[in-house]
Amino acid sequence: MVLFGYQVYVWSNEGVPLEPVHVHVAKHISPHGLKIWIRKDGTCEVARGQNKRLIPAPMLTRILGALNVYSDDLIEKWKERFQEASFIDEQK
């Protein structure tokens, strides 16, 4: 998915054990893309310490708003890909 010129993607291997539902966002697909957690209620949260001048704040606000709109679809795609899903807010 592309939002406002930024790629939104997941990796095929998201850790063992599988990390909670999240996407990466970057201008170009890269292992250094910004990680954004998707909570169980569909809201999004930037992973702590992740956005060190990668995405300007106004653009990040737009991206988070769009991800909130598409979060149900993203969660469903995660479940299709990994056959399971946990959420960051279940682990706090």
PDB file of N, CA and C in Angstrom:
ATOM      1  N   MET A   1       0.852  -1.162   0.000  1.00  0.00           N
ATOM      2  CA  MET A   1       0.000   0.000   0.000  1.00  0.00           C
ATOM      3  C   MET A   1       0.903   1.231   0.000  1.00  0.00           C
ATOM      4  N   VAL A   2       0.491   2.242  -0.702  1.00  0.00           N
ATOM      5  CA  VAL A   2       1.216   3.514  -0.715  1.00  0.00           C
ATOM      6  C   VAL A   2       0.287   4.594  -0.177  1.00  0.00           C
ATOM      7  N   LEU A   3       0.780   5.353   0.801  1.00  0.00           N
ATOM      8  CA  LEU A   3       0.030   6.468   1.377  1.00  0.00           C
ATOM      9  C   LEU A   3       0.875   7.726   1.273  1.00  0.00           C
ATOM     10  N   PHE A   4       0.391   8.700   0.544  1.00  0.00           N
ATOM     11  CA  PHE A   4       1.047  10.009   0.471  1.00  0.00           C
ATOM     12  C   PHE A   4       2.522   9.895   0.074  1.00  0.00           C
ATOM     13  N   GLY A   5       2.819   8.942  -0.804  1.00  0.00           N
ATOM     14  CA  GLY A   5       4.193   8.755  -1.275  1.00  0.00           C
ATOM     15  C   GLY A   5       5.051   7.866  -0.387  1.00  0.00           C
ATOM     16  N   TYR A   6       4.483   7.288   0.662  1.00  0.00           N
ATOM     17  CA  TYR A   6       5.217   6.400   1.565  1.00  0.00           C
ATOM     18  C   TYR A   6       4.710   4.970   1.393  1.00  0.00           C
ATOM     19  N   GLN A   7       5.632   4.014   1.346  1.00  0.00           N
ATOM     20  CA  GLN A   7       5.282   2.597   1.287  1.00  0.00           C
ATOM     21  C   GLN A   7       4.844   2.132   2.669  1.00  0.00           C
ATOM     22  N   VAL A   8       3.801   1.322   2.727  1.00  0.00           N
ATOM     23  CA  VAL A   8       3.347   0.692   3.961  1.00  0.00           C
ATOM     24  C   VAL A   8       3.490  -0.807   3.729  1.00  0.00           C
ATOM     25  N   TYR A   9       4.258  -1.499   4.582  1.00  0.00           N
ATOM     26  CA  TYR A   9       4.585  -2.899   4.298  1.00  0.00           C
ATOM     27  C   TYR A   9       4.834  -3.678   5.583  1.00  0.00           C
ATOM     28  N   VAL A  10       4.832  -5.010   5.438  1.00  0.00           N
ATOM     29  CA  VAL A  10       5.253  -5.921   6.512  1.00  0.00           C
ATOM     30  C   VAL A  10       6.332  -6.827   5.933  1.00  0.00           C
ATOM     31  N   TRP A  11       7.117  -7.403   6.802  1.00  0.00           N
ATOM     32  CA  TRP A  11       8.133  -8.366   6.392  1.00  0.00           C
ATOM     33  C   TRP A  11       7.542  -9.766   6.435  1.00  0.00           C
ATOM     34  N   SER A  12       8.094 -10.671   5.663  1.00  0.00           N
ATOM     35  CA  SER A  12       7.637 -12.059   5.681  1.00  0.00           C
ATOM     36  C   SER A  12       7.924 -12.723   7.020  1.00  0.00           C
ATOM     37  N   ASN A  13       9.041 -12.374   7.638  1.00  0.00           N
ATOM     38  CA  ASN A  13       9.411 -12.932   8.928  1.00  0.00           C
ATOM     39  C   ASN A  13       9.358 -11.807   9.952  1.00  0.00           C
ATOM     40  N   GLU A  14       8.329 -11.779  10.765  1.00  0.00           N
ATOM     41  CA  GLU A  14       8.157 -10.719  11.754  1.00  0.00           C
ATOM     42  C   GLU A  14       8.501 -11.195  13.155  1.00  0.00           C
ATOM     43  N   GLY A  15       9.532 -12.038  13.256  1.00  0.00           N
ATOM     44  CA  GLY A  15      10.052 -12.438  14.553  1.00  0.00           C
ATOM     45  C   GLY A  15       9.504 -13.755  15.066  1.00  0.00           C
ATOM     46  N   VAL A  16      10.266 -14.356  15.968  1.00  0.00           N
ATOM     47  CA  VAL A  16       9.871 -15.574  16.665  1.00  0.00           C
ATOM     48  C   VAL A  16      10.105 -15.309  18.138  1.00  0.00           C
ATOM     49  N   PRO A  17       9.090 -15.249  18.962  1.00  0.00           N
ATOM     50  CA  PRO A  17       7.685 -15.365  18.563  1.00  0.00           C
ATOM     51  C   PRO A  17       7.251 -14.164  17.719  1.00  0.00           C
ATOM     52  N   LEU A  18       6.154 -14.361  17.007  1.00  0.00           N
ATOM     53  CA  LEU A  18       5.620 -13.334  16.124  1.00  0.00           C
ATOM     54  C   LEU A  18       5.336 -12.047  16.902  1.00  0.00           C
ATOM     55  N   GLU A  19       5.816 -10.932  16.368  1.00  0.00           N
ATOM     56  CA  GLU A  19       5.556  -9.642  17.001  1.00  0.00           C
ATOM     57  C   GLU A  19       4.070  -9.287  16.887  1.00  0.00           C
ATOM     58  N   PRO A  20       3.599  -8.373  17.737  1.00  0.00           N
ATOM     59  CA  PRO A  20       2.218  -7.896  17.602  1.00  0.00           C
ATOM     60  C   PRO A  20       1.999  -7.227  16.240  1.00  0.00           C
ATOM     61  N   VAL A  21       0.750  -7.090  15.862  1.00  0.00           N
ATOM     62  CA  VAL A  21       0.382  -6.521  14.564  1.00  0.00           C
ATOM     63  C   VAL A  21       0.994  -5.134  14.401  1.00  0.00           C
ATOM     64  N   HIS A  22       1.676  -4.937  13.279  1.00  0.00           N
ATOM     65  CA  HIS A  22       2.278  -3.643  12.974  1.00  0.00           C
ATOM     66  C   HIS A  22       2.578  -3.558  11.481  1.00  0.00           C
ATOM     67  N   VAL A  23       2.856  -2.360  11.038  1.00  0.00           N
ATOM     68  CA  VAL A  23       3.323  -2.122   9.671  1.00  0.00           C
ATOM     69  C   VAL A  23       4.593  -1.293   9.760  1.00  0.00           C
ATOM     70  N   HIS A  24       5.321  -1.270   8.657  1.00  0.00           N
ATOM     71  CA  HIS A  24       6.494  -0.408   8.519  1.00  0.00           C
ATOM     72  C   HIS A  24       6.152   0.637   7.470  1.00  0.00           C
ATOM     73  N   VAL A  25       6.684   1.833   7.628  1.00  0.00           N
ATOM     74  CA  VAL A  25       6.409   2.925   6.693  1.00  0.00           C
ATOM     75  C   VAL A  25       7.733   3.589   6.339  1.00  0.00           C
ATOM     76  N   ALA A  26       7.973   3.761   5.032  1.00  0.00           N
ATOM     77  CA  ALA A  26       9.187   4.434   4.560  1.00  0.00           C
ATOM     78  C   ALA A  26       8.967   4.889   3.117  1.00  0.00           C
ATOM     79  N   LYS A  27       9.787   5.820   2.677  1.00  0.00           N
ATOM     80  CA  LYS A  27       9.718   6.259   1.268  1.00  0.00           C
ATOM     81  C   LYS A  27       9.976   5.078   0.344  1.00  0.00           C
ATOM     82  N   HIS A  28      10.935   4.235   0.729  1.00  0.00           N
ATOM     83  CA  HIS A  28      11.271   3.039  -0.039  1.00  0.00           C
ATOM     84  C   HIS A  28      11.377   1.884   0.945  1.00  0.00           C
ATOM     85  N   ILE A  29      10.921   0.716   0.553  1.00  0.00           N
ATOM     86  CA  ILE A  29      10.962  -0.440   1.447  1.00  0.00           C
ATOM     87  C   ILE A  29      12.392  -0.645   1.933  1.00  0.00           C
ATOM     88  N   SER A  30      12.523  -0.715   3.252  1.00  0.00           N
ATOM     89  CA  SER A  30      13.832  -0.767   3.882  1.00  0.00           C
ATOM     90  C   SER A  30      13.696  -1.376   5.264  1.00  0.00           C
ATOM     91  N   PRO A  31      14.740  -2.047   5.752  1.00  0.00           N
ATOM     92  CA  PRO A  31      14.672  -2.557   7.127  1.00  0.00           C
ATOM     93  C   PRO A  31      14.668  -1.442   8.169  1.00  0.00           C
ATOM     94  N   HIS A  32      14.860  -0.202   7.733  1.00  0.00           N
ATOM     95  CA  HIS A  32      14.892   0.926   8.655  1.00  0.00           C
ATOM     96  C   HIS A  32      13.608   1.745   8.632  1.00  0.00           C
ATOM     97  N   GLY A  33      12.550   1.195   8.058  1.00  0.00           N
ATOM     98  CA  GLY A  33      11.282   1.906   8.017  1.00  0.00           C
ATOM     99  C   GLY A  33      10.699   2.097   9.407  1.00  0.00           C
ATOM    100  N   LEU A  34       9.869   3.090   9.534  1.00  0.00           N
ATOM    101  CA  LEU A  34       9.195   3.405  10.795  1.00  0.00           C
ATOM    102  C   LEU A  34       8.199   2.298  11.142  1.00  0.00           C
ATOM    103  N   LYS A  35       8.262   1.777  12.372  1.00  0.00           N
ATOM    104  CA  LYS A  35       7.329   0.738  12.819  1.00  0.00           C
ATOM    105  C   LYS A  35       6.138   1.407  13.488  1.00  0.00           C
ATOM    106  N   ILE A  36       4.947   0.999  13.059  1.00  0.00           N
ATOM    107  CA  ILE A  36       3.709   1.516  13.647  1.00  0.00           C
ATOM    108  C   ILE A  36       2.869   0.330  14.112  1.00  0.00           C
ATOM    109  N   TRP A  37       2.619   0.280  15.415  1.00  0.00           N
ATOM    110  CA  TRP A  37       1.776  -0.767  15.989  1.00  0.00           C
ATOM    111  C   TRP A  37       0.319  -0.469  15.665  1.00  0.00           C
ATOM    112  N   ILE A  38      -0.458  -1.514  15.436  1.00  0.00           N
ATOM    113  CA  ILE A  38      -1.906  -1.379  15.273  1.00  0.00           C
ATOM    114  C   ILE A  38      -2.536  -2.049  16.493  1.00  0.00           C
ATOM    115  N   ARG A  39      -3.238  -1.259  17.270  1.00  0.00           N
ATOM    116  CA  ARG A  39      -3.871  -1.786  18.480  1.00  0.00           C
ATOM    117  C   ARG A  39      -5.124  -2.587  18.128  1.00  0.00           C
ATOM    118  N   LYS A  40      -5.591  -3.340  19.097  1.00  0.00           N
ATOM    119  CA  LYS A  40      -6.773  -4.191  18.899  1.00  0.00           C
ATOM    120  C   LYS A  40      -7.993  -3.382  18.473  1.00  0.00           C
ATOM    121  N   ASP A  41      -8.106  -2.131  18.968  1.00  0.00           N
ATOM    122  CA  ASP A  41      -9.255  -1.296  18.608  1.00  0.00           C
ATOM    123  C   ASP A  41      -9.072  -0.599  17.254  1.00  0.00           C
ATOM    124  N   GLY A  42      -7.930  -0.859  16.585  1.00  0.00           N
ATOM    125  CA  GLY A  42      -7.695  -0.286  15.260  1.00  0.00           C
ATOM    126  C   GLY A  42      -6.935   1.022  15.252  1.00  0.00           C
ATOM    127  N   THR A  43      -6.688   1.587  16.420  1.00  0.00           N
ATOM    128  CA  THR A  43      -5.894   2.810  16.451  1.00  0.00           C
ATOM    129  C   THR A  43      -4.413   2.451  16.306  1.00  0.00           C
ATOM    130  N   CYS A  44      -3.615   3.435  15.944  1.00  0.00           N
ATOM    131  CA  CYS A  44      -2.209   3.188  15.643  1.00  0.00           C
ATOM    132  C   CYS A  44      -1.300   3.968  16.585  1.00  0.00           C
ATOM    133  N   GLU A  45      -0.116   3.424  16.797  1.00  0.00           N
ATOM    134  CA  GLU A  45       0.862   4.011  17.708  1.00  0.00           C
ATOM    135  C   GLU A  45       2.259   3.828  17.122  1.00  0.00           C
ATOM    136  N   VAL A  46       3.004   4.903  17.016  1.00  0.00           N
ATOM    137  CA  VAL A  46       4.382   4.819  16.540  1.00  0.00           C
ATOM    138  C   VAL A  46       5.210   4.109  17.601  1.00  0.00           C
ATOM    139  N   ALA A  47       6.001   3.121  17.188  1.00  0.00           N
ATOM    140  CA  ALA A  47       6.873   2.411  18.127  1.00  0.00           C
ATOM    141  C   ALA A  47       7.841   3.402  18.761  1.00  0.00           C
ATOM    142  N   ARG A  48       8.040   3.275  20.038  1.00  0.00           N
ATOM    143  CA  ARG A  48       8.879   4.199  20.800  1.00  0.00           C
ATOM    144  C   ARG A  48      10.270   4.332  20.193  1.00  0.00           C
ATOM    145  N   GLY A  49      10.707   5.564  20.038  1.00  0.00           N
ATOM    146  CA  GLY A  49      12.044   5.846  19.541  1.00  0.00           C
ATOM    147  C   GLY A  49      12.247   5.607  18.055  1.00  0.00           C
ATOM    148  N   GLN A  50      11.176   5.364  17.320  1.00  0.00           N
ATOM    149  CA  GLN A  50      11.305   4.977  15.921  1.00  0.00           C
ATOM    150  C   GLN A  50      11.400   6.129  14.931  1.00  0.00           C
ATOM    151  N   ASN A  51      10.748   7.260  15.186  1.00  0.00           N
ATOM    152  CA  ASN A  51      10.676   8.299  14.154  1.00  0.00           C
ATOM    153  C   ASN A  51      11.711   9.395  14.385  1.00  0.00           C
ATOM    154  N   LYS A  52      12.945   9.034  14.244  1.00  0.00           N
ATOM    155  CA  LYS A  52      14.028  10.004  14.416  1.00  0.00           C
ATOM    156  C   LYS A  52      14.233  10.760  13.110  1.00  0.00           C
ATOM    157  N   ARG A  53      13.370  11.751  12.887  1.00  0.00           N
ATOM    158  CA  ARG A  53      13.403  12.610  11.699  1.00  0.00           C
ATOM    159  C   ARG A  53      13.145  11.848  10.396  1.00  0.00           C
ATOM    160  N   LEU A  54      12.535  10.685  10.455  1.00  0.00           N
ATOM    161  CA  LEU A  54      12.245   9.940   9.229  1.00  0.00           C
ATOM    162  C   LEU A  54      11.072  10.543   8.467  1.00  0.00           C
ATOM    163  N   ILE A  55      10.002  10.815   9.187  1.00  0.00           N
ATOM    164  CA  ILE A  55       8.787  11.322   8.557  1.00  0.00           C
ATOM    165  C   ILE A  55       8.395  12.608   9.293  1.00  0.00           C
ATOM    166  N   PRO A  56       8.248  13.712   8.568  1.00  0.00           N
ATOM    167  CA  PRO A  56       7.852  14.968   9.227  1.00  0.00           C
ATOM    168  C   PRO A  56       6.529  14.813   9.978  1.00  0.00           C
ATOM    169  N   ALA A  57       6.406  15.477  11.110  1.00  0.00           N
ATOM    170  CA  ALA A  57       5.237  15.339  11.985  1.00  0.00           C
ATOM    171  C   ALA A  57       3.900  15.540  11.267  1.00  0.00           C
ATOM    172  N   PRO A  58       3.728  16.581  10.417  1.00  0.00           N
ATOM    173  CA  PRO A  58       2.431  16.737   9.754  1.00  0.00           C
ATOM    174  C   PRO A  58       2.102  15.548   8.837  1.00  0.00           C
ATOM    175  N   MET A  59       3.120  15.021   8.151  1.00  0.00           N
ATOM    176  CA  MET A  59       2.895  13.869   7.276  1.00  0.00           C
ATOM    177  C   MET A  59       2.600  12.623   8.098  1.00  0.00           C
ATOM    178  N   LEU A  60       3.297  12.457   9.215  1.00  0.00           N
ATOM    179  CA  LEU A  60       3.052  11.302  10.071  1.00  0.00           C
ATOM    180  C   LEU A  60       1.621  11.327  10.602  1.00  0.00           C
ATOM    181  N   THR A  61       1.120  12.493  10.936  1.00  0.00           N
ATOM    182  CA  THR A  61      -0.264  12.626  11.395  1.00  0.00           C
ATOM    183  C   THR A  61      -1.227  12.161  10.303  1.00  0.00           C
ATOM    184  N   ARG A  62      -0.968  12.560   9.067  1.00  0.00           N
ATOM    185  CA  ARG A  62      -1.818  12.129   7.939  1.00  0.00           C
ATOM    186  C   ARG A  62      -1.753  10.619   7.750  1.00  0.00           C
ATOM    187  N   ILE A  63      -0.550  10.065   7.822  1.00  0.00           N
ATOM    188  CA  ILE A  63      -0.379   8.621   7.637  1.00  0.00           C
ATOM    189  C   ILE A  63      -1.096   7.855   8.740  1.00  0.00           C
ATOM    190  N   LEU A  64      -0.938   8.281   9.992  1.00  0.00           N
ATOM    191  CA  LEU A  64      -1.622   7.606  11.100  1.00  0.00           C
ATOM    192  C   LEU A  64      -3.135   7.670  10.933  1.00  0.00           C
ATOM    193  N   GLY A  65      -3.647   8.812  10.491  1.00  0.00           N
ATOM    194  CA  GLY A  65      -5.088   8.938  10.252  1.00  0.00           C
ATOM    195  C   GLY A  65      -5.566   7.951   9.197  1.00  0.00           C
ATOM    196  N   ALA A  66      -4.819   7.821   8.117  1.00  0.00           N
ATOM    197  CA  ALA A  66      -5.192   6.878   7.061  1.00  0.00           C
ATOM    198  C   ALA A  66      -5.081   5.435   7.545  1.00  0.00           C
ATOM    199  N   LEU A  67      -4.036   5.126   8.297  1.00  0.00           N
ATOM    200  CA  LEU A  67      -3.896   3.766   8.829  1.00  0.00           C
ATOM    201  C   LEU A  67      -5.042   3.427   9.771  1.00  0.00           C
ATOM    202  N   ASN A  68      -5.512   4.404  10.538  1.00  0.00           N
ATOM    203  CA  ASN A  68      -6.681   4.170  11.394  1.00  0.00           C
ATOM    204  C   ASN A  68      -7.892   3.761  10.560  1.00  0.00           C
ATOM    205  N   VAL A  69      -8.066   4.404   9.412  1.00  0.00           N
ATOM    206  CA  VAL A  69      -9.195   4.088   8.530  1.00  0.00           C
ATOM    207  C   VAL A  69      -9.074   2.669   7.978  1.00  0.00           C
ATOM    208  N   TYR A  70      -7.849   2.270   7.621  1.00  0.00           N
ATOM    209  CA  TYR A  70      -7.627   0.961   6.994  1.00  0.00           C
ATOM    210  C   TYR A  70      -7.221  -0.132   7.977  1.00  0.00           C
ATOM    211  N   SER A  71      -7.245   0.152   9.269  1.00  0.00           N
ATOM    212  CA  SER A  71      -6.710  -0.796  10.249  1.00  0.00           C
ATOM    213  C   SER A  71      -7.410  -2.149  10.233  1.00  0.00           C
ATOM    214  N   ASP A  72      -8.726  -2.188  10.057  1.00  0.00           N
ATOM    215  CA  ASP A  72      -9.415  -3.484  10.011  1.00  0.00           C
ATOM    216  C   ASP A  72      -8.890  -4.331   8.858  1.00  0.00           C
ATOM    217  N   ASP A  73      -8.693  -3.714   7.706  1.00  0.00           N
ATOM    218  CA  ASP A  73      -8.148  -4.437   6.554  1.00  0.00           C
ATOM    219  C   ASP A  73      -6.724  -4.901   6.820  1.00  0.00           C
ATOM    220  N   LEU A  74      -5.917  -4.048   7.441  1.00  0.00           N
ATOM    221  CA  LEU A  74      -4.531  -4.408   7.737  1.00  0.00           C
ATOM    222  C   LEU A  74      -4.457  -5.557   8.734  1.00  0.00           C
ATOM    223  N   ILE A  75      -5.307  -5.530   9.740  1.00  0.00           N
ATOM    224  CA  ILE A  75      -5.347  -6.631  10.718  1.00  0.00           C
ATOM    225  C   ILE A  75      -5.758  -7.926  10.026  1.00  0.00           C
ATOM    226  N   GLU A  76      -6.742  -7.859   9.168  1.00  0.00           N
ATOM    227  CA  GLU A  76      -7.193  -9.051   8.445  1.00  0.00           C
ATOM    228  C   GLU A  76      -6.086  -9.610   7.554  1.00  0.00           C
ATOM    229  N   LYS A  77      -5.377  -8.738   6.853  1.00  0.00           N
ATOM    230  CA  LYS A  77      -4.260  -9.180   6.007  1.00  0.00           C
ATOM    231  C   LYS A  77      -3.162  -9.809   6.856  1.00  0.00           C
ATOM    232  N   TRP A  78      -2.886  -9.240   8.035  1.00  0.00           N
ATOM    233  CA  TRP A  78      -1.893  -9.813   8.944  1.00  0.00           C
ATOM    234  C   TRP A  78      -2.298 -11.242   9.315  1.00  0.00           C
ATOM    235  N   LYS A  79      -3.566 -11.418   9.690  1.00  0.00           N
ATOM    236  CA  LYS A  79      -4.060 -12.748  10.078  1.00  0.00           C
ATOM    237  C   LYS A  79      -3.966 -13.732   8.917  1.00  0.00           C
ATOM    238  N   GLU A  80      -4.277 -13.270   7.711  1.00  0.00           N
ATOM    239  CA  GLU A  80      -4.150 -14.144   6.534  1.00  0.00           C
ATOM    240  C   GLU A  80      -2.700 -14.561   6.333  1.00  0.00           C
ATOM    241  N   ARG A  81      -1.785 -13.639   6.506  1.00  0.00           N
ATOM    242  CA  ARG A  81      -0.362 -13.905   6.257  1.00  0.00           C
ATOM    243  C   ARG A  81       0.257 -14.785   7.330  1.00  0.00           C
ATOM    244  N   PHE A  82      -0.043 -14.492   8.604  1.00  0.00           N
ATOM    245  CA  PHE A  82       0.644 -15.168   9.709  1.00  0.00           C
ATOM    246  C   PHE A  82      -0.232 -16.166  10.470  1.00  0.00           C
ATOM    247  N   GLN A  83      -1.523 -16.254  10.124  1.00  0.00           N
ATOM    248  CA  GLN A  83      -2.471 -17.162  10.772  1.00  0.00           C
ATOM    249  C   GLN A  83      -2.686 -16.888  12.250  1.00  0.00           C
ATOM    250  N   GLU A  84      -2.254 -15.751  12.729  1.00  0.00           N
ATOM    251  CA  GLU A  84      -2.486 -15.354  14.124  1.00  0.00           C
ATOM    252  C   GLU A  84      -2.250 -13.863  14.249  1.00  0.00           C
ATOM    253  N   ALA A  85      -2.716 -13.317  15.350  1.00  0.00           N
ATOM    254  CA  ALA A  85      -2.494 -11.891  15.594  1.00  0.00           C
ATOM    255  C   ALA A  85      -2.551 -11.623  17.086  1.00  0.00           C
ATOM    256  N   SER A  86      -1.584 -10.891  17.564  1.00  0.00           N
ATOM    257  CA  SER A  86      -1.633 -10.357  18.920  1.00  0.00           C
ATOM    258  C   SER A  86      -1.461  -8.837  18.776  1.00  0.00           C
ATOM    259  N   PHE A  87      -1.733  -8.147  19.846  1.00  0.00           N
ATOM    260  CA  PHE A  87      -1.727  -6.687  19.786  1.00  0.00           C
ATOM    261  C   PHE A  87      -0.895  -6.118  20.913  1.00  0.00           C
ATOM    262  N   ILE A  88      -0.233  -5.008  20.648  1.00  0.00           N
ATOM    263  CA  ILE A  88       0.660  -4.379  21.614  1.00  0.00           C
ATOM    264  C   ILE A  88      -0.088  -4.002  22.894  1.00  0.00           C
ATOM    265  N   ASP A  89      -1.360  -3.623  22.783  1.00  0.00           N
ATOM    266  CA  ASP A  89      -2.108  -3.228  23.972  1.00  0.00           C
ATOM    267  C   ASP A  89      -2.564  -4.421  24.802  1.00  0.00           C
ATOM    268  N   GLU A  90      -2.408  -5.627  24.301  1.00  0.00           N
ATOM    269  CA  GLU A  90      -2.682  -6.826  25.103  1.00  0.00           C
ATOM    270  C   GLU A  90      -1.484  -7.186  25.970  1.00  0.00           C
ATOM    271  N   GLN A  91      -0.318  -6.604  25.639  1.00  0.00           N
ATOM    272  CA  GLN A  91       0.911  -6.970  26.329  1.00  0.00           C
ATOM    273  C   GLN A  91       1.327  -5.971  27.376  1.00  0.00           C
ATOM    274  N   LYS A  92       0.644  -4.847  27.505  1.00  0.00           N
ATOM    275  CA  LYS A  92       1.022  -3.802  28.464  1.00  0.00           C
ATOM    276  C   LYS A  92       0.492  -4.101  29.832  1.00  0.00           C
TER     277      LYS A  92
END
